[in-house]
């Protein structure tokens, strides 16, 4: 795994989100949980690398969408994010295979049906772990999400322990 490349991506994402520390805090937390779940679930190195890149960039389109649509809503992120991420990942020298999968994950990270891979499942779980807290969701909402969304043993364990669910 190319940790240096992931670190450069992290720094570029901080730059892209300048002026909005909440966005940088969010993607950093999603990345931390995604990487932890991915390692604990035994993802192969190349899949983990892709997952980490996707976790950093999953909300890359929020600033653009807020400007264009007046909203950072998930449907707009899924629509606009892949092209923005492709430019950045290509500029940084990410492998094409990684870039293509990251684009797919960005285009679907607010879609919770037909999840087609552990990287996708883990990204969704990590994003929920952070969003449930950041949005101040009730314990009932956490339990419902845990039941309906979480599939990995590690993600379930983190969610149960973090929220006391």
C-alpha atoms as a PDB file:
ATOM      1  CA  UNK A   1       0.000   0.000   0.000  1.00  0.00           C
ATOM      2  CA  UNK A   2       1.252   3.447  -0.854  1.00  0.00           C
ATOM      3  CA  UNK A   3       0.828   5.321   2.453  1.00  0.00           C
ATOM      4  CA  UNK A   4       2.636   8.396   1.078  1.00  0.00           C
ATOM      5  CA  UNK A   5       0.080   8.700  -1.736  1.00  0.00           C
ATOM      6  CA  UNK A   6      -2.794   8.401   0.742  1.00  0.00           C
ATOM      7  CA  UNK A   7      -1.187  11.066   2.930  1.00  0.00           C
ATOM      8  CA  UNK A   8      -0.917  13.405  -0.067  1.00  0.00           C
ATOM      9  CA  UNK A   9      -4.600  12.777  -0.778  1.00  0.00           C
ATOM     10  CA  UNK A  10      -5.461  13.562   2.837  1.00  0.00           C
ATOM     11  CA  UNK A  11      -3.576  16.871   2.621  1.00  0.00           C
ATOM     12  CA  UNK A  12      -5.251  17.772  -0.690  1.00  0.00           C
ATOM     13  CA  UNK A  13      -8.679  17.064   0.757  1.00  0.00           C
ATOM     14  CA  UNK A  14      -7.925  19.375   3.692  1.00  0.00           C
ATOM     15  CA  UNK A  15      -6.927  22.046   1.160  1.00  0.00           C
ATOM     16  CA  UNK A  16     -10.080  21.523  -0.914  1.00  0.00           C
ATOM     17  CA  UNK A  17     -12.267  21.856   2.184  1.00  0.00           C
ATOM     18  CA  UNK A  18     -10.443  24.944   3.478  1.00  0.00           C
ATOM     19  CA  UNK A  19     -12.653  27.249   5.473  1.00  0.00           C
ATOM     20  CA  UNK A  20     -14.937  24.385   6.526  1.00  0.00           C
ATOM     21  CA  UNK A  21     -13.152  22.376   9.211  1.00  0.00           C
ATOM     22  CA  UNK A  22     -16.278  20.290   9.757  1.00  0.00           C
ATOM     23  CA  UNK A  23     -15.818  18.669   6.350  1.00  0.00           C
ATOM     24  CA  UNK A  24     -12.185  17.825   7.048  1.00  0.00           C
ATOM     25  CA  UNK A  25     -13.074  16.483  10.487  1.00  0.00           C
ATOM     26  CA  UNK A  26     -15.825  14.364   8.944  1.00  0.00           C
ATOM     27  CA  UNK A  27     -13.754  12.701   6.231  1.00  0.00           C
ATOM     28  CA  UNK A  28     -10.865  12.106   8.633  1.00  0.00           C
ATOM     29  CA  UNK A  29     -13.183  10.290  11.033  1.00  0.00           C
ATOM     30  CA  UNK A  30     -14.806   8.282   8.240  1.00  0.00           C
ATOM     31  CA  UNK A  31     -11.333   7.337   7.022  1.00  0.00           C
ATOM     32  CA  UNK A  32     -10.229   6.247  10.502  1.00  0.00           C
ATOM     33  CA  UNK A  33     -13.240   3.959  10.964  1.00  0.00           C
ATOM     34  CA  UNK A  34     -13.092   2.626   7.414  1.00  0.00           C
ATOM     35  CA  UNK A  35      -9.399   1.763   7.744  1.00  0.00           C
ATOM     36  CA  UNK A  36      -9.937   0.137  11.148  1.00  0.00           C
ATOM     37  CA  UNK A  37     -12.896  -1.932   9.959  1.00  0.00           C
ATOM     38  CA  UNK A  38     -11.057  -2.855   6.752  1.00  0.00           C
ATOM     39  CA  UNK A  39      -7.986  -4.062   8.636  1.00  0.00           C
ATOM     40  CA  UNK A  40     -10.031  -5.950  11.222  1.00  0.00           C
ATOM     41  CA  UNK A  41     -12.106  -7.604   8.489  1.00  0.00           C
ATOM     42  CA  UNK A  42      -8.922  -8.687   6.721  1.00  0.00           C
ATOM     43  CA  UNK A  43      -9.298  -6.782   3.465  1.00  0.00           C
ATOM     44  CA  UNK A  44      -6.543  -7.404   0.930  1.00  0.00           C
ATOM     45  CA  UNK A  45      -4.042  -4.522   0.714  1.00  0.00           C
ATOM     46  CA  UNK A  46      -5.258  -3.285  -2.682  1.00  0.00           C
ATOM     47  CA  UNK A  47      -8.902  -3.229  -1.528  1.00  0.00           C
ATOM     48  CA  UNK A  48      -7.921  -1.465   1.697  1.00  0.00           C
ATOM     49  CA  UNK A  49      -5.974   1.123  -0.323  1.00  0.00           C
ATOM     50  CA  UNK A  50      -9.041   1.788  -2.491  1.00  0.00           C
ATOM     51  CA  UNK A  51     -11.291   1.958   0.569  1.00  0.00           C
ATOM     52  CA  UNK A  52      -9.014   4.480   2.256  1.00  0.00           C
ATOM     53  CA  UNK A  53      -8.918   6.675  -0.845  1.00  0.00           C
ATOM     54  CA  UNK A  54     -12.719   6.496  -1.093  1.00  0.00           C
ATOM     55  CA  UNK A  55     -13.122   7.360   2.588  1.00  0.00           C
ATOM     56  CA  UNK A  56     -11.033  10.504   2.156  1.00  0.00           C
ATOM     57  CA  UNK A  57     -12.929  11.582  -0.969  1.00  0.00           C
ATOM     58  CA  UNK A  58     -16.479  10.316  -0.413  1.00  0.00           C
ATOM     59  CA  UNK A  59     -17.824  13.845   0.221  1.00  0.00           C
ATOM     60  CA  UNK A  60     -15.450  15.633  -2.175  1.00  0.00           C
ATOM     61  CA  UNK A  61     -18.320  17.305  -4.036  1.00  0.00           C
ATOM     62  CA  UNK A  62     -19.987  19.009  -1.057  1.00  0.00           C
ATOM     63  CA  UNK A  63     -18.383  22.448  -1.556  1.00  0.00           C
ATOM     64  CA  UNK A  64     -19.129  22.358  -5.294  1.00  0.00           C
ATOM     65  CA  UNK A  65     -22.710  21.161  -4.744  1.00  0.00           C
ATOM     66  CA  UNK A  66     -23.379  23.855  -2.158  1.00  0.00           C
ATOM     67  CA  UNK A  67     -22.256  26.437  -4.686  1.00  0.00           C
ATOM     68  CA  UNK A  68     -24.070  24.920  -7.692  1.00  0.00           C
ATOM     69  CA  UNK A  69     -27.282  23.637  -6.063  1.00  0.00           C
ATOM     70  CA  UNK A  70     -27.364  25.450  -2.730  1.00  0.00           C
ATOM     71  CA  UNK A  71     -27.196  22.041  -1.079  1.00  0.00           C
ATOM     72  CA  UNK A  72     -24.667  19.326  -0.297  1.00  0.00           C
ATOM     73  CA  UNK A  73     -27.394  16.669  -0.433  1.00  0.00           C
ATOM     74  CA  UNK A  74     -26.270  13.093  -1.053  1.00  0.00           C
ATOM     75  CA  UNK A  75     -27.920  12.822  -4.473  1.00  0.00           C
ATOM     76  CA  UNK A  76     -25.878  15.808  -5.674  1.00  0.00           C
ATOM     77  CA  UNK A  77     -22.693  14.378  -4.163  1.00  0.00           C
ATOM     78  CA  UNK A  78     -23.235  11.099  -5.976  1.00  0.00           C
ATOM     79  CA  UNK A  79     -23.826  12.972  -9.227  1.00  0.00           C
ATOM     80  CA  UNK A  80     -20.938  15.461  -9.100  1.00  0.00           C
ATOM     81  CA  UNK A  81     -18.346  13.707  -6.934  1.00  0.00           C
ATOM     82  CA  UNK A  82     -16.912  11.122  -9.319  1.00  0.00           C
ATOM     83  CA  UNK A  83     -15.628  13.652 -11.879  1.00  0.00           C
ATOM     84  CA  UNK A  84     -14.091  15.865  -9.192  1.00  0.00           C
ATOM     85  CA  UNK A  85     -12.401  12.865  -7.584  1.00  0.00           C
ATOM     86  CA  UNK A  86     -11.145  11.581 -10.930  1.00  0.00           C
ATOM     87  CA  UNK A  87      -9.324  14.858 -11.596  1.00  0.00           C
ATOM     88  CA  UNK A  88      -7.705  14.870  -8.162  1.00  0.00           C
ATOM     89  CA  UNK A  89      -6.745  11.196  -8.088  1.00  0.00           C
ATOM     90  CA  UNK A  90      -5.314  11.357 -11.611  1.00  0.00           C
ATOM     91  CA  UNK A  91      -3.324  14.477 -10.736  1.00  0.00           C
ATOM     92  CA  UNK A  92      -1.891  12.725  -7.664  1.00  0.00           C
ATOM     93  CA  UNK A  93      -0.959   9.621  -9.654  1.00  0.00           C
ATOM     94  CA  UNK A  94      -3.409   7.048  -8.315  1.00  0.00           C
ATOM     95  CA  UNK A  95      -3.690   3.857 -10.360  1.00  0.00           C
ATOM     96  CA  UNK A  96      -6.565   3.886 -12.860  1.00  0.00           C
ATOM     97  CA  UNK A  97      -8.145   0.781 -11.318  1.00  0.00           C
ATOM     98  CA  UNK A  98      -8.232   2.470  -7.910  1.00  0.00           C
ATOM     99  CA  UNK A  99      -9.593   5.693  -9.374  1.00  0.00           C
ATOM    100  CA  UNK A 100     -12.407   3.879 -11.181  1.00  0.00           C
ATOM    101  CA  UNK A 101     -13.526   2.037  -8.044  1.00  0.00           C
ATOM    102  CA  UNK A 102     -13.307   5.192  -5.911  1.00  0.00           C
ATOM    103  CA  UNK A 103     -15.498   6.995  -8.450  1.00  0.00           C
ATOM    104  CA  UNK A 104     -18.030   4.165  -8.233  1.00  0.00           C
ATOM    105  CA  UNK A 105     -18.025   4.258  -4.435  1.00  0.00           C
ATOM    106  CA  UNK A 106     -18.505   8.034  -4.385  1.00  0.00           C
ATOM    107  CA  UNK A 107     -21.361   7.694  -6.885  1.00  0.00           C
ATOM    108  CA  UNK A 108     -23.115   5.206  -4.597  1.00  0.00           C
ATOM    109  CA  UNK A 109     -22.134   6.032  -1.010  1.00  0.00           C
ATOM    110  CA  UNK A 110     -25.649   7.275  -0.195  1.00  0.00           C
ATOM    111  CA  UNK A 111     -27.251   4.250  -1.862  1.00  0.00           C
ATOM    112  CA  UNK A 112     -27.771   1.376   0.544  1.00  0.00           C
ATOM    113  CA  UNK A 113     -29.115  -1.297  -1.794  1.00  0.00           C
ATOM    114  CA  UNK A 114     -27.094  -3.633  -4.024  1.00  0.00           C
ATOM    115  CA  UNK A 115     -23.887  -3.074  -2.095  1.00  0.00           C
ATOM    116  CA  UNK A 116     -21.353  -4.948  -4.220  1.00  0.00           C
ATOM    117  CA  UNK A 117     -18.199  -5.357  -2.225  1.00  0.00           C
ATOM    118  CA  UNK A 118     -16.624  -5.157   1.191  1.00  0.00           C
ATOM    119  CA  UNK A 119     -15.073  -1.781   0.357  1.00  0.00           C
ATOM    120  CA  UNK A 120     -18.545  -0.382  -0.374  1.00  0.00           C
ATOM    121  CA  UNK A 121     -20.093  -1.971   2.738  1.00  0.00           C
ATOM    122  CA  UNK A 122     -17.331  -0.710   4.996  1.00  0.00           C
ATOM    123  CA  UNK A 123     -17.452   2.821   3.556  1.00  0.00           C
ATOM    124  CA  UNK A 124     -21.195   2.962   4.230  1.00  0.00           C
ATOM    125  CA  UNK A 125     -20.728   1.662   7.783  1.00  0.00           C
ATOM    126  CA  UNK A 126     -17.918   4.106   8.552  1.00  0.00           C
ATOM    127  CA  UNK A 127     -19.938   7.029   7.195  1.00  0.00           C
ATOM    128  CA  UNK A 128     -22.913   5.968   9.334  1.00  0.00           C
ATOM    129  CA  UNK A 129     -20.763   5.663  12.465  1.00  0.00           C
ATOM    130  CA  UNK A 130     -19.725   9.278  12.033  1.00  0.00           C
ATOM    131  CA  UNK A 131     -23.075  10.630  10.803  1.00  0.00           C
ATOM    132  CA  UNK A 132     -25.091   9.002  13.593  1.00  0.00           C
ATOM    133  CA  UNK A 133     -22.968  10.892  16.106  1.00  0.00           C
ATOM    134  CA  UNK A 134     -22.620  14.155  14.185  1.00  0.00           C
ATOM    135  CA  UNK A 135     -26.381  14.287  13.566  1.00  0.00           C
ATOM    136  CA  UNK A 136     -27.198  13.492  17.198  1.00  0.00           C
ATOM    137  CA  UNK A 137     -29.387  10.541  16.265  1.00  0.00           C
ATOM    138  CA  UNK A 138     -31.475   8.810  18.926  1.00  0.00           C
ATOM    139  CA  UNK A 139     -30.607   5.395  20.305  1.00  0.00           C
ATOM    140  CA  UNK A 140     -33.631   3.999  18.441  1.00  0.00           C
ATOM    141  CA  UNK A 141     -32.285   5.409  15.170  1.00  0.00           C
ATOM    142  CA  UNK A 142     -28.871   3.908  15.923  1.00  0.00           C
ATOM    143  CA  UNK A 143     -30.430   0.494  16.616  1.00  0.00           C
ATOM    144  CA  UNK A 144     -32.481   0.633  13.409  1.00  0.00           C
ATOM    145  CA  UNK A 145     -29.413   1.581  11.384  1.00  0.00           C
ATOM    146  CA  UNK A 146     -27.377  -1.151  13.055  1.00  0.00           C
ATOM    147  CA  UNK A 147     -30.007  -3.727  12.106  1.00  0.00           C
ATOM    148  CA  UNK A 148     -30.657  -2.514   8.551  1.00  0.00           C
ATOM    149  CA  UNK A 149     -27.232  -1.298   7.373  1.00  0.00           C
ATOM    150  CA  UNK A 150     -24.371  -2.922   9.259  1.00  0.00           C
ATOM    151  CA  UNK A 151     -23.060  -6.278   7.978  1.00  0.00           C
ATOM    152  CA  UNK A 152     -19.438  -6.529   9.125  1.00  0.00           C
ATOM    153  CA  UNK A 153     -18.738  -7.947  12.566  1.00  0.00           C
ATOM    154  CA  UNK A 154     -16.270  -5.141  13.276  1.00  0.00           C
ATOM    155  CA  UNK A 155     -18.677  -2.392  12.236  1.00  0.00           C
ATOM    156  CA  UNK A 156     -21.462  -3.905  14.348  1.00  0.00           C
ATOM    157  CA  UNK A 157     -19.158  -4.181  17.353  1.00  0.00           C
ATOM    158  CA  UNK A 158     -17.963  -0.574  17.034  1.00  0.00           C
ATOM    159  CA  UNK A 159     -21.533   0.698  16.656  1.00  0.00           C
ATOM    160  CA  UNK A 160     -22.851  -1.289  19.631  1.00  0.00           C
ATOM    161  CA  UNK A 161     -19.996  -0.251  21.889  1.00  0.00           C
ATOM    162  CA  UNK A 162     -19.827   3.380  20.765  1.00  0.00           C
ATOM    163  CA  UNK A 163     -23.533   4.062  21.149  1.00  0.00           C
ATOM    164  CA  UNK A 164     -24.410   1.467  23.798  1.00  0.00           C
ATOM    165  CA  UNK A 165     -26.877  -0.069  21.350  1.00  0.00           C
END
